Amino acid sequence: MLKKDNWALGIIMGLVVPLIVYGIILTIVRTYGVVDEIRGIYMMKTSTMQLIGVFSNLFTFRYYMVNLKFDKTGRGILLATFIYAGLFFYFNLDF
């Protein structure tokens, strides 16, 4: 199922992979990285964890573009990455 070359698979993977990675990082940080639990101070800022989640798509993108030569799937992953990056900048930058 993951060896298809189409946009829909790329967009779905591009939307799901960062959420999974962000969830894993958030779980690890909340379990082991608490500095002050009462104030909610963690070792990593939320924006840093979000960026790690967004840019985890680069590994998936590289796998589909370089190793499998699936251009349409890679473009879908790239589109989802741009959407997430745009949302990140919209919500985290103060203009």
N, C-alpha and C. Protein backbone atom coordinates (compact mmCIF):
# COMPACT_ATOMS: atom_id res chain seq x y z
N MET A 1 0.81 -1.20 0.00
CA MET A 1 0.00 0.00 0.00
C MET A 1 0.86 1.26 0.00
N LEU A 2 1.99 1.24 0.67
CA LEU A 2 2.84 2.41 0.73
C LEU A 2 3.80 2.50 -0.45
N LYS A 3 3.68 1.60 -1.40
CA LYS A 3 4.55 1.61 -2.57
C LYS A 3 3.82 2.11 -3.81
N LYS A 4 2.91 3.06 -3.63
CA LYS A 4 2.19 3.65 -4.75
C LYS A 4 2.73 5.04 -5.03
N ASP A 5 2.62 5.45 -6.27
CA ASP A 5 3.07 6.78 -6.66
C ASP A 5 1.86 7.65 -6.98
N ASN A 6 1.27 8.24 -5.94
CA ASN A 6 0.16 9.17 -6.18
C ASN A 6 0.15 10.26 -5.12
N TRP A 7 -0.50 11.36 -5.47
CA TRP A 7 -0.53 12.55 -4.63
C TRP A 7 -1.23 12.29 -3.30
N ALA A 8 -2.34 11.55 -3.35
CA ALA A 8 -3.14 11.34 -2.13
C ALA A 8 -2.32 10.64 -1.05
N LEU A 9 -1.58 9.62 -1.43
CA LEU A 9 -0.74 8.92 -0.46
C LEU A 9 0.30 9.86 0.12
N GLY A 10 0.90 10.69 -0.72
CA GLY A 10 1.90 11.64 -0.25
C GLY A 10 1.33 12.67 0.71
N ILE A 11 0.14 13.17 0.40
CA ILE A 11 -0.47 14.16 1.29
C ILE A 11 -0.86 13.52 2.61
N ILE A 12 -1.43 12.33 2.56
CA ILE A 12 -1.81 11.64 3.81
C ILE A 12 -0.58 11.36 4.65
N MET A 13 0.47 10.83 4.03
CA MET A 13 1.70 10.55 4.79
C MET A 13 2.31 11.84 5.31
N GLY A 14 2.28 12.89 4.50
CA GLY A 14 2.84 14.16 4.91
C GLY A 14 2.08 14.81 6.05
N LEU A 15 0.81 14.49 6.19
CA LEU A 15 0.03 15.02 7.30
C LEU A 15 0.12 14.16 8.55
N VAL A 16 0.27 12.85 8.38
CA VAL A 16 0.25 11.92 9.52
C VAL A 16 1.61 11.79 10.20
N VAL A 17 2.68 11.70 9.42
CA VAL A 17 4.02 11.47 9.99
C VAL A 17 4.43 12.56 10.99
N PRO A 18 4.26 13.86 10.68
CA PRO A 18 4.63 14.87 11.69
C PRO A 18 3.80 14.79 12.96
N LEU A 19 2.53 14.42 12.84
CA LEU A 19 1.70 14.29 14.04
C LEU A 19 2.19 13.15 14.93
N ILE A 20 2.58 12.05 14.31
CA ILE A 20 3.09 10.91 15.08
C ILE A 20 4.41 11.28 15.76
N VAL A 21 5.31 11.90 15.01
CA VAL A 21 6.61 12.29 15.58
C VAL A 21 6.43 13.31 16.69
N TYR A 22 5.56 14.29 16.48
CA TYR A 22 5.29 15.29 17.52
C TYR A 22 4.70 14.63 18.76
N GLY A 23 3.80 13.69 18.58
CA GLY A 23 3.23 12.98 19.72
C GLY A 23 4.26 12.19 20.50
N ILE A 24 5.17 11.53 19.79
CA ILE A 24 6.24 10.78 20.45
C ILE A 24 7.15 11.72 21.23
N ILE A 25 7.56 12.81 20.60
CA ILE A 25 8.45 13.77 21.27
C ILE A 25 7.75 14.40 22.48
N LEU A 26 6.48 14.74 22.32
CA LEU A 26 5.73 15.34 23.43
C LEU A 26 5.61 14.36 24.60
N THR A 27 5.38 13.10 24.30
CA THR A 27 5.29 12.09 25.36
C THR A 27 6.62 11.93 26.08
N ILE A 28 7.71 11.88 25.33
CA ILE A 28 9.04 11.74 25.93
C ILE A 28 9.37 12.95 26.80
N VAL A 29 9.11 14.14 26.28
CA VAL A 29 9.44 15.36 27.03
C VAL A 29 8.58 15.48 28.28
N ARG A 30 7.31 15.15 28.17
CA ARG A 30 6.44 15.23 29.35
C ARG A 30 6.79 14.17 30.38
N THR A 31 7.34 13.05 29.94
CA THR A 31 7.70 11.98 30.88
C THR A 31 9.05 12.24 31.53
N TYR A 32 10.05 12.59 30.72
CA TYR A 32 11.42 12.67 31.23
C TYR A 32 12.00 14.08 31.29
N GLY A 33 11.39 15.04 30.63
CA GLY A 33 12.01 16.35 30.51
C GLY A 33 11.38 17.45 31.32
N VAL A 34 10.68 17.12 32.39
CA VAL A 34 10.01 18.13 33.19
C VAL A 34 11.00 18.78 34.15
N VAL A 35 11.09 20.09 34.08
CA VAL A 35 11.93 20.84 35.02
C VAL A 35 11.08 21.28 36.20
N ASP A 36 9.93 21.86 35.91
CA ASP A 36 9.02 22.32 36.96
C ASP A 36 7.60 21.98 36.52
N GLU A 37 7.05 20.94 37.09
CA GLU A 37 5.74 20.45 36.65
C GLU A 37 4.62 21.42 37.01
N ILE A 38 4.73 22.11 38.11
CA ILE A 38 3.67 23.03 38.53
C ILE A 38 3.54 24.19 37.54
N ARG A 39 4.64 24.73 37.12
CA ARG A 39 4.63 25.86 36.17
C ARG A 39 4.57 25.41 34.72
N GLY A 40 4.78 24.13 34.45
CA GLY A 40 4.75 23.63 33.08
C GLY A 40 6.01 23.97 32.30
N ILE A 41 7.15 24.02 32.97
CA ILE A 41 8.42 24.33 32.30
C ILE A 41 9.07 23.01 31.89
N TYR A 42 9.35 22.89 30.61
CA TYR A 42 9.94 21.67 30.07
C TYR A 42 11.32 21.98 29.50
N MET A 43 12.07 20.92 29.22
CA MET A 43 13.42 21.07 28.68
C MET A 43 13.40 21.67 27.27
N MET A 44 12.34 21.40 26.53
CA MET A 44 12.22 21.87 25.16
C MET A 44 10.97 22.74 25.04
N LYS A 45 11.07 23.81 24.26
CA LYS A 45 9.90 24.64 24.03
C LYS A 45 8.94 23.92 23.09
N THR A 46 7.69 24.29 23.16
CA THR A 46 6.67 23.67 22.30
C THR A 46 6.97 23.93 20.83
N SER A 47 7.44 25.12 20.51
CA SER A 47 7.73 25.44 19.11
C SER A 47 8.87 24.58 18.57
N THR A 48 9.84 24.25 19.40
CA THR A 48 10.93 23.38 18.96
C THR A 48 10.41 21.98 18.67
N MET A 49 9.53 21.49 19.51
CA MET A 49 8.94 20.17 19.28
C MET A 49 8.10 20.16 18.01
N GLN A 50 7.39 21.25 17.75
CA GLN A 50 6.59 21.34 16.53
C GLN A 50 7.48 21.35 15.29
N LEU A 51 8.59 22.07 15.34
CA LEU A 51 9.50 22.10 14.20
C LEU A 51 10.11 20.73 13.93
N ILE A 52 10.47 20.01 14.97
CA ILE A 52 11.00 18.66 14.78
C ILE A 52 9.96 17.79 14.11
N GLY A 53 8.70 17.93 14.51
CA GLY A 53 7.63 17.17 13.89
C GLY A 53 7.45 17.51 12.42
N VAL A 54 7.47 18.81 12.11
CA VAL A 54 7.29 19.24 10.72
C VAL A 54 8.44 18.75 9.84
N PHE A 55 9.65 18.91 10.31
CA PHE A 55 10.79 18.56 9.47
C PHE A 55 11.14 17.08 9.50
N SER A 56 10.37 16.29 10.24
CA SER A 56 10.53 14.84 10.13
C SER A 56 10.04 14.35 8.78
N ASN A 57 9.25 15.17 8.11
CA ASN A 57 8.79 14.82 6.76
C ASN A 57 9.95 14.76 5.77
N LEU A 58 11.04 15.41 6.07
CA LEU A 58 12.17 15.40 5.13
C LEU A 58 12.73 14.00 4.92
N PHE A 59 12.71 13.18 5.97
CA PHE A 59 13.20 11.81 5.83
C PHE A 59 12.26 10.98 4.95
N THR A 60 10.96 11.17 5.16
CA THR A 60 9.98 10.47 4.33
C THR A 60 10.07 10.96 2.89
N PHE A 61 10.20 12.26 2.72
CA PHE A 61 10.32 12.85 1.39
C PHE A 61 11.53 12.31 0.65
N ARG A 62 12.67 12.26 1.32
CA ARG A 62 13.89 11.77 0.70
C ARG A 62 13.76 10.30 0.32
N TYR A 63 13.14 9.50 1.17
CA TYR A 63 12.97 8.08 0.88
C TYR A 63 12.15 7.89 -0.39
N TYR A 64 11.05 8.62 -0.51
CA TYR A 64 10.19 8.44 -1.69
C TYR A 64 10.78 9.07 -2.94
N MET A 65 11.49 10.16 -2.83
CA MET A 65 12.04 10.81 -4.02
C MET A 65 13.33 10.17 -4.51
N VAL A 66 14.23 9.83 -3.60
CA VAL A 66 15.55 9.34 -4.00
C VAL A 66 15.57 7.82 -4.12
N ASN A 67 15.11 7.12 -3.09
CA ASN A 67 15.21 5.67 -3.10
C ASN A 67 14.18 5.00 -4.01
N LEU A 68 12.93 5.44 -3.97
CA LEU A 68 11.88 4.79 -4.74
C LEU A 68 11.57 5.48 -6.06
N LYS A 69 12.02 6.71 -6.24
CA LYS A 69 11.77 7.52 -7.44
C LYS A 69 10.27 7.74 -7.69
N PHE A 70 9.51 7.94 -6.60
CA PHE A 70 8.08 8.22 -6.71
C PHE A 70 7.88 9.73 -6.61
N ASP A 71 7.79 10.38 -7.76
CA ASP A 71 7.70 11.84 -7.79
C ASP A 71 6.38 12.37 -7.26
N LYS A 72 5.27 11.75 -7.62
CA LYS A 72 3.97 12.25 -7.19
C LYS A 72 3.81 12.13 -5.68
N THR A 73 4.21 11.02 -5.11
CA THR A 73 4.12 10.85 -3.66
C THR A 73 5.03 11.86 -2.96
N GLY A 74 6.23 12.05 -3.48
CA GLY A 74 7.15 13.03 -2.91
C GLY A 74 6.60 14.44 -2.96
N ARG A 75 5.93 14.77 -4.06
CA ARG A 75 5.33 16.10 -4.17
C ARG A 75 4.19 16.29 -3.17
N GLY A 76 3.42 15.23 -2.93
CA GLY A 76 2.37 15.31 -1.92
C GLY A 76 2.93 15.53 -0.53
N ILE A 77 4.02 14.83 -0.21
CA ILE A 77 4.68 15.01 1.08
C ILE A 77 5.21 16.43 1.20
N LEU A 78 5.81 16.93 0.13
CA LEU A 78 6.34 18.29 0.14
C LEU A 78 5.23 19.33 0.32
N LEU A 79 4.09 19.11 -0.33
CA LEU A 79 2.95 20.01 -0.18
C LEU A 79 2.48 20.05 1.28
N ALA A 80 2.35 18.88 1.89
CA ALA A 80 1.93 18.83 3.30
C ALA A 80 2.96 19.50 4.20
N THR A 81 4.24 19.34 3.88
CA THR A 81 5.29 19.97 4.67
C THR A 81 5.19 21.49 4.58
N PHE A 82 4.94 22.01 3.39
CA PHE A 82 4.77 23.45 3.22
C PHE A 82 3.54 23.96 3.98
N ILE A 83 2.48 23.19 3.98
CA ILE A 83 1.28 23.59 4.72
C ILE A 83 1.59 23.66 6.21
N TYR A 84 2.24 22.62 6.74
CA TYR A 84 2.60 22.63 8.16
C TYR A 84 3.57 23.76 8.49
N ALA A 85 4.54 24.00 7.62
CA ALA A 85 5.51 25.07 7.88
C ALA A 85 4.81 26.43 7.87
N GLY A 86 3.90 26.64 6.94
CA GLY A 86 3.14 27.88 6.91
C GLY A 86 2.30 28.07 8.15
N LEU A 87 1.64 27.01 8.60
CA LEU A 87 0.86 27.09 9.84
C LEU A 87 1.75 27.36 11.05
N PHE A 88 2.93 26.75 11.06
CA PHE A 88 3.86 26.98 12.17
C PHE A 88 4.24 28.45 12.24
N PHE A 89 4.62 29.03 11.11
CA PHE A 89 5.02 30.44 11.11
C PHE A 89 3.84 31.36 11.41
N TYR A 90 2.67 31.01 10.94
CA TYR A 90 1.49 31.83 11.21
C TYR A 90 1.16 31.89 12.70
N PHE A 91 1.24 30.75 13.37
CA PHE A 91 0.85 30.70 14.78
C PHE A 91 1.98 31.05 15.75
N ASN A 92 3.24 30.95 15.34
CA ASN A 92 4.34 31.14 16.28
C ASN A 92 5.11 32.43 16.11
N LEU A 93 4.94 33.13 15.01
CA LEU A 93 5.65 34.40 14.83
C LEU A 93 4.72 35.56 15.16
N ASP A 94 5.25 36.52 15.84
CA ASP A 94 4.48 37.72 16.17
C ASP A 94 4.83 38.82 15.17
N PHE A 95 3.84 39.27 14.44
CA PHE A 95 4.06 40.32 13.45
C PHE A 95 3.69 41.65 14.01
